[in-house]
Amino acid sequence: MVLATPAQAAENRCGVLSNPTPGNWWLADRDGEWTIGIQMGHQADGMENMPEDLFEKGWVRTNGYYGYRCACLGVDTDRRKMRVTRIHSSSALPMRRCQADKALRKALANARMP
């Protein structure tokens, strides 16, 4: 017997996108910290859907080219594991938006440390 699951619409999640070291990615939003990628481990599909300009103006460098920024991602998630499974889209946000969100203060403090 084959069970079909309904198609899941991408969620729009906004918060602190962090890439502190090669292959390691997280998005911290109001619901917690979502794993996007772990070096030598889980990597969400669709990383190519994050354009290069996302890492230019507004990208805060903390470790060479690595760092963080405020962003929104259109994603599929595994809520039980707090993982992003696929990235459909991304857009940059001004850092002041994340700084103004009380729920993201801890994430911003953690992102500043390489």
N, C-alpha and C. Protein backbone atom coordinates (compact mmCIF):
# COMPACT_ATOMS: atom_id res chain seq x y z
N MET A 1 0.84 -1.17 0.00
CA MET A 1 0.00 0.00 0.00
C MET A 1 0.89 1.24 0.00
N VAL A 2 0.61 2.17 -0.87
CA VAL A 2 1.37 3.41 -0.97
C VAL A 2 0.52 4.54 -0.40
N LEU A 3 1.10 5.26 0.54
CA LEU A 3 0.39 6.40 1.11
C LEU A 3 0.95 7.68 0.51
N ALA A 4 0.08 8.50 0.02
CA ALA A 4 0.51 9.78 -0.54
C ALA A 4 0.44 10.84 0.54
N THR A 5 1.42 11.71 0.55
CA THR A 5 1.38 12.83 1.48
C THR A 5 1.08 14.08 0.70
N PRO A 6 0.31 14.99 1.26
CA PRO A 6 -0.03 16.20 0.53
C PRO A 6 1.21 17.05 0.28
N ALA A 7 1.20 17.77 -0.82
CA ALA A 7 2.32 18.66 -1.12
C ALA A 7 2.38 19.74 -0.05
N GLN A 8 3.57 20.05 0.38
CA GLN A 8 3.77 21.01 1.44
C GLN A 8 4.27 22.31 0.81
N ALA A 9 3.59 23.39 1.13
CA ALA A 9 4.02 24.70 0.63
C ALA A 9 5.25 25.15 1.41
N ALA A 10 6.13 25.84 0.72
CA ALA A 10 7.33 26.35 1.38
C ALA A 10 6.94 27.34 2.46
N GLU A 11 7.65 27.29 3.57
CA GLU A 11 7.46 28.23 4.67
C GLU A 11 8.39 29.41 4.46
N ASN A 12 7.95 30.59 4.82
CA ASN A 12 8.82 31.76 4.78
C ASN A 12 9.33 31.97 6.20
N ARG A 13 10.63 31.80 6.40
CA ARG A 13 11.25 31.95 7.72
C ARG A 13 12.27 33.07 7.66
N CYS A 14 12.13 34.01 8.58
CA CYS A 14 13.01 35.18 8.61
C CYS A 14 13.74 35.23 9.94
N GLY A 15 15.04 35.55 9.87
CA GLY A 15 15.84 35.63 11.08
C GLY A 15 17.30 35.80 10.75
N VAL A 16 18.13 35.30 11.64
CA VAL A 16 19.58 35.43 11.50
C VAL A 16 20.11 34.20 10.76
N LEU A 17 20.62 34.44 9.54
CA LEU A 17 21.24 33.40 8.75
C LEU A 17 22.72 33.40 9.09
N SER A 18 23.22 32.29 9.58
CA SER A 18 24.60 32.21 10.07
C SER A 18 25.38 31.14 9.34
N ASN A 19 26.59 31.51 8.89
CA ASN A 19 27.53 30.59 8.24
C ASN A 19 28.90 30.86 8.85
N PRO A 20 29.15 30.34 10.07
CA PRO A 20 30.38 30.69 10.78
C PRO A 20 31.65 30.03 10.25
N THR A 21 31.52 28.88 9.63
CA THR A 21 32.66 28.13 9.10
C THR A 21 32.19 27.33 7.88
N PRO A 22 33.11 26.80 7.07
CA PRO A 22 32.71 26.08 5.86
C PRO A 22 31.71 24.95 6.12
N GLY A 23 30.63 24.95 5.34
CA GLY A 23 29.65 23.87 5.41
C GLY A 23 28.69 23.93 6.57
N ASN A 24 28.82 24.89 7.46
CA ASN A 24 27.95 25.00 8.64
C ASN A 24 27.01 26.20 8.47
N TRP A 25 25.71 25.90 8.49
CA TRP A 25 24.68 26.92 8.25
C TRP A 25 23.52 26.73 9.23
N TRP A 26 23.03 27.85 9.76
CA TRP A 26 21.85 27.84 10.61
C TRP A 26 21.00 29.05 10.31
N LEU A 27 19.71 28.93 10.58
CA LEU A 27 18.80 30.07 10.56
C LEU A 27 18.09 30.09 11.90
N ALA A 28 18.28 31.17 12.64
CA ALA A 28 17.60 31.34 13.93
C ALA A 28 16.42 32.28 13.71
N ASP A 29 15.22 31.82 14.06
CA ASP A 29 14.04 32.67 13.95
C ASP A 29 13.23 32.58 15.23
N ARG A 30 12.03 33.08 15.23
CA ARG A 30 11.19 33.09 16.43
C ARG A 30 10.93 31.70 17.01
N ASP A 31 11.00 30.67 16.15
CA ASP A 31 10.71 29.31 16.60
C ASP A 31 11.92 28.55 17.08
N GLY A 32 13.11 29.12 16.92
CA GLY A 32 14.33 28.45 17.36
C GLY A 32 15.40 28.45 16.29
N GLU A 33 16.35 27.54 16.43
CA GLU A 33 17.47 27.45 15.50
C GLU A 33 17.29 26.27 14.56
N TRP A 34 17.27 26.57 13.26
CA TRP A 34 17.07 25.57 12.22
C TRP A 34 18.42 25.22 11.61
N THR A 35 18.74 23.94 11.54
CA THR A 35 19.97 23.49 10.90
C THR A 35 19.74 23.45 9.39
N ILE A 36 20.61 24.15 8.68
CA ILE A 36 20.57 24.13 7.22
C ILE A 36 21.65 23.18 6.71
N GLY A 37 22.82 23.24 7.32
CA GLY A 37 23.90 22.37 6.90
C GLY A 37 24.93 22.20 8.00
N ILE A 38 25.48 21.01 8.06
CA ILE A 38 26.55 20.67 9.00
C ILE A 38 27.69 20.10 8.17
N GLN A 39 28.88 20.61 8.37
CA GLN A 39 30.04 20.13 7.62
C GLN A 39 30.14 18.61 7.74
N MET A 40 30.27 17.94 6.62
CA MET A 40 30.38 16.47 6.54
C MET A 40 29.08 15.78 6.98
N GLY A 41 27.97 16.52 7.03
CA GLY A 41 26.70 15.93 7.44
C GLY A 41 25.55 16.47 6.60
N HIS A 42 24.41 16.66 7.25
CA HIS A 42 23.20 17.16 6.58
C HIS A 42 23.47 18.46 5.83
N GLN A 43 23.01 18.53 4.59
CA GLN A 43 23.03 19.76 3.81
C GLN A 43 21.68 19.87 3.12
N ALA A 44 20.99 20.98 3.34
CA ALA A 44 19.69 21.19 2.70
C ALA A 44 19.86 21.25 1.19
N ASP A 45 18.91 20.71 0.47
CA ASP A 45 18.88 20.86 -0.98
C ASP A 45 18.57 22.32 -1.30
N GLY A 46 19.02 22.77 -2.45
CA GLY A 46 18.69 24.12 -2.90
C GLY A 46 19.59 25.23 -2.41
N MET A 47 20.78 24.89 -1.91
CA MET A 47 21.71 25.93 -1.47
C MET A 47 22.00 26.92 -2.60
N GLU A 48 21.90 26.45 -3.85
CA GLU A 48 22.14 27.32 -4.99
C GLU A 48 21.06 28.42 -5.12
N ASN A 49 19.99 28.29 -4.36
CA ASN A 49 18.93 29.29 -4.39
C ASN A 49 19.21 30.47 -3.45
N MET A 50 20.41 30.50 -2.89
CA MET A 50 20.85 31.66 -2.12
C MET A 50 21.83 32.43 -3.00
N PRO A 51 21.42 33.54 -3.58
CA PRO A 51 22.28 34.26 -4.53
C PRO A 51 23.52 34.86 -3.88
N GLU A 52 24.55 35.04 -4.68
CA GLU A 52 25.82 35.59 -4.18
C GLU A 52 25.66 36.95 -3.51
N ASP A 53 24.73 37.78 -4.02
CA ASP A 53 24.59 39.12 -3.45
C ASP A 53 24.07 39.08 -2.01
N LEU A 54 23.56 37.94 -1.58
CA LEU A 54 23.15 37.79 -0.19
C LEU A 54 24.35 37.93 0.74
N PHE A 55 25.54 37.66 0.22
CA PHE A 55 26.76 37.66 1.02
C PHE A 55 27.63 38.89 0.77
N GLU A 56 27.05 39.90 0.19
CA GLU A 56 27.79 41.13 -0.07
C GLU A 56 27.35 42.20 0.92
N LYS A 57 26.72 43.26 0.46
CA LYS A 57 26.31 44.35 1.33
C LYS A 57 25.36 43.82 2.42
N GLY A 58 25.71 44.07 3.66
CA GLY A 58 24.89 43.61 4.77
C GLY A 58 25.38 42.33 5.42
N TRP A 59 26.30 41.62 4.77
CA TRP A 59 26.87 40.40 5.35
C TRP A 59 27.90 40.81 6.39
N VAL A 60 27.75 40.34 7.61
CA VAL A 60 28.67 40.69 8.69
C VAL A 60 29.72 39.58 8.79
N ARG A 61 30.95 39.91 8.47
CA ARG A 61 32.03 38.92 8.50
C ARG A 61 32.57 38.77 9.92
N THR A 62 32.70 37.51 10.34
CA THR A 62 33.24 37.22 11.67
C THR A 62 34.45 36.30 11.61
N ASN A 63 34.66 35.68 10.45
CA ASN A 63 35.71 34.67 10.31
C ASN A 63 36.09 34.60 8.84
N GLY A 64 36.93 35.53 8.38
CA GLY A 64 37.24 35.59 6.96
C GLY A 64 35.99 36.00 6.20
N TYR A 65 35.59 35.17 5.25
CA TYR A 65 34.37 35.44 4.48
C TYR A 65 33.11 34.94 5.20
N TYR A 66 33.27 34.22 6.26
CA TYR A 66 32.14 33.62 6.97
C TYR A 66 31.53 34.63 7.93
N GLY A 67 30.23 34.47 8.21
CA GLY A 67 29.58 35.42 9.09
C GLY A 67 28.08 35.19 9.16
N TYR A 68 27.32 36.31 9.15
CA TYR A 68 25.87 36.23 9.32
C TYR A 68 25.20 37.46 8.73
N ARG A 69 23.88 37.37 8.61
CA ARG A 69 23.07 38.51 8.18
C ARG A 69 21.61 38.23 8.50
N CYS A 70 20.80 39.23 8.39
CA CYS A 70 19.36 39.10 8.55
C CYS A 70 18.79 38.73 7.18
N ALA A 71 17.95 37.71 7.12
CA ALA A 71 17.44 37.24 5.83
C ALA A 71 16.12 36.49 6.00
N CYS A 72 15.43 36.34 4.90
CA CYS A 72 14.25 35.48 4.83
C CYS A 72 14.54 34.35 3.85
N LEU A 73 14.14 33.15 4.20
CA LEU A 73 14.31 32.00 3.32
C LEU A 73 12.95 31.34 3.11
N GLY A 74 12.67 30.96 1.87
CA GLY A 74 11.50 30.13 1.57
C GLY A 74 11.98 28.69 1.64
N VAL A 75 11.50 27.92 2.61
CA VAL A 75 12.07 26.60 2.89
C VAL A 75 11.03 25.53 3.15
N ASP A 76 11.46 24.29 2.99
CA ASP A 76 10.74 23.13 3.51
C ASP A 76 11.52 22.73 4.76
N THR A 77 10.81 22.27 5.79
CA THR A 77 11.48 21.92 7.04
C THR A 77 11.03 20.56 7.56
N ASP A 78 11.86 20.02 8.42
CA ASP A 78 11.52 18.88 9.24
C ASP A 78 11.42 19.46 10.65
N ARG A 79 10.21 19.76 11.08
CA ARG A 79 10.01 20.44 12.36
C ARG A 79 10.48 19.61 13.55
N ARG A 80 10.34 18.31 13.46
CA ARG A 80 10.75 17.45 14.56
C ARG A 80 12.25 17.55 14.80
N LYS A 81 13.02 17.60 13.72
CA LYS A 81 14.48 17.66 13.83
C LYS A 81 15.01 19.10 13.77
N MET A 82 14.11 20.09 13.57
CA MET A 82 14.51 21.49 13.43
C MET A 82 15.55 21.63 12.32
N ARG A 83 15.22 21.04 11.18
CA ARG A 83 16.11 21.07 10.01
C ARG A 83 15.42 21.71 8.83
N VAL A 84 16.17 22.45 8.07
CA VAL A 84 15.72 22.90 6.76
C VAL A 84 16.09 21.78 5.80
N THR A 85 15.12 21.30 5.03
CA THR A 85 15.39 20.21 4.10
C THR A 85 15.58 20.70 2.67
N ARG A 86 14.97 21.85 2.34
CA ARG A 86 15.13 22.42 1.00
C ARG A 86 14.96 23.94 1.08
N ILE A 87 15.81 24.63 0.34
CA ILE A 87 15.71 26.09 0.21
C ILE A 87 15.16 26.38 -1.18
N HIS A 88 14.06 27.11 -1.21
CA HIS A 88 13.44 27.49 -2.49
C HIS A 88 13.84 28.90 -2.91
N SER A 89 14.00 29.77 -1.94
CA SER A 89 14.31 31.17 -2.25
C SER A 89 14.95 31.83 -1.04
N SER A 90 15.52 32.99 -1.27
CA SER A 90 16.10 33.76 -0.17
C SER A 90 16.08 35.23 -0.52
N SER A 91 16.04 36.06 0.50
CA SER A 91 16.13 37.50 0.30
C SER A 91 16.79 38.12 1.53
N ALA A 92 17.58 39.14 1.26
CA ALA A 92 18.28 39.85 2.33
C ALA A 92 17.33 40.83 3.01
N LEU A 93 17.55 41.01 4.30
CA LEU A 93 16.82 42.02 5.08
C LEU A 93 17.84 42.94 5.74
N PRO A 94 17.44 44.17 6.04
CA PRO A 94 18.35 45.04 6.78
C PRO A 94 18.61 44.47 8.17
N MET A 95 19.84 44.57 8.64
CA MET A 95 20.20 44.02 9.95
C MET A 95 19.33 44.62 11.06
N ARG A 96 18.92 45.86 10.90
CA ARG A 96 18.11 46.50 11.94
C ARG A 96 16.80 45.76 12.21
N ARG A 97 16.30 45.04 11.20
CA ARG A 97 15.07 44.27 11.40
C ARG A 97 15.30 43.15 12.42
N CYS A 98 16.40 42.43 12.28
CA CYS A 98 16.70 41.37 13.24
C CYS A 98 17.08 41.96 14.60
N GLN A 99 17.80 43.07 14.60
CA GLN A 99 18.21 43.70 15.85
C GLN A 99 17.00 44.18 16.65
N ALA A 100 15.93 44.56 15.96
CA ALA A 100 14.74 45.07 16.63
C ALA A 100 13.85 43.95 17.19
N ASP A 101 14.09 42.72 16.76
CA ASP A 101 13.27 41.58 17.19
C ASP A 101 13.84 40.98 18.46
N LYS A 102 13.14 41.14 19.57
CA LYS A 102 13.62 40.64 20.87
C LYS A 102 13.87 39.14 20.85
N ALA A 103 13.11 38.41 20.05
CA ALA A 103 13.27 36.95 19.98
C ALA A 103 14.59 36.55 19.34
N LEU A 104 15.26 37.48 18.65
CA LEU A 104 16.50 37.15 17.94
C LEU A 104 17.75 37.66 18.62
N ARG A 105 17.64 38.30 19.75
CA ARG A 105 18.81 38.87 20.42
C ARG A 105 19.87 37.82 20.75
N LYS A 106 19.46 36.68 21.26
CA LYS A 106 20.41 35.62 21.60
C LYS A 106 21.09 35.09 20.33
N ALA A 107 20.31 34.94 19.26
CA ALA A 107 20.88 34.45 18.00
C ALA A 107 21.91 35.43 17.46
N LEU A 108 21.65 36.72 17.56
CA LEU A 108 22.61 37.71 17.09
C LEU A 108 23.88 37.67 17.94
N ALA A 109 23.73 37.52 19.24
CA ALA A 109 24.89 37.45 20.12
C ALA A 109 25.74 36.22 19.78
N ASN A 110 25.10 35.09 19.53
CA ASN A 110 25.83 33.86 19.18
C ASN A 110 26.49 33.97 17.81
N ALA A 111 25.84 34.66 16.87
CA ALA A 111 26.37 34.77 15.50
C ALA A 111 27.65 35.59 15.47
N ARG A 112 27.81 36.48 16.41
CA ARG A 112 28.98 37.35 16.44
C ARG A 112 30.25 36.59 16.82
N MET A 113 30.08 35.42 17.40
CA MET A 113 31.25 34.62 17.82
C MET A 113 31.58 33.60 16.74
N PRO A 114 32.82 33.60 16.23
CA PRO A 114 33.18 32.61 15.20
C PRO A 114 33.29 31.21 15.79
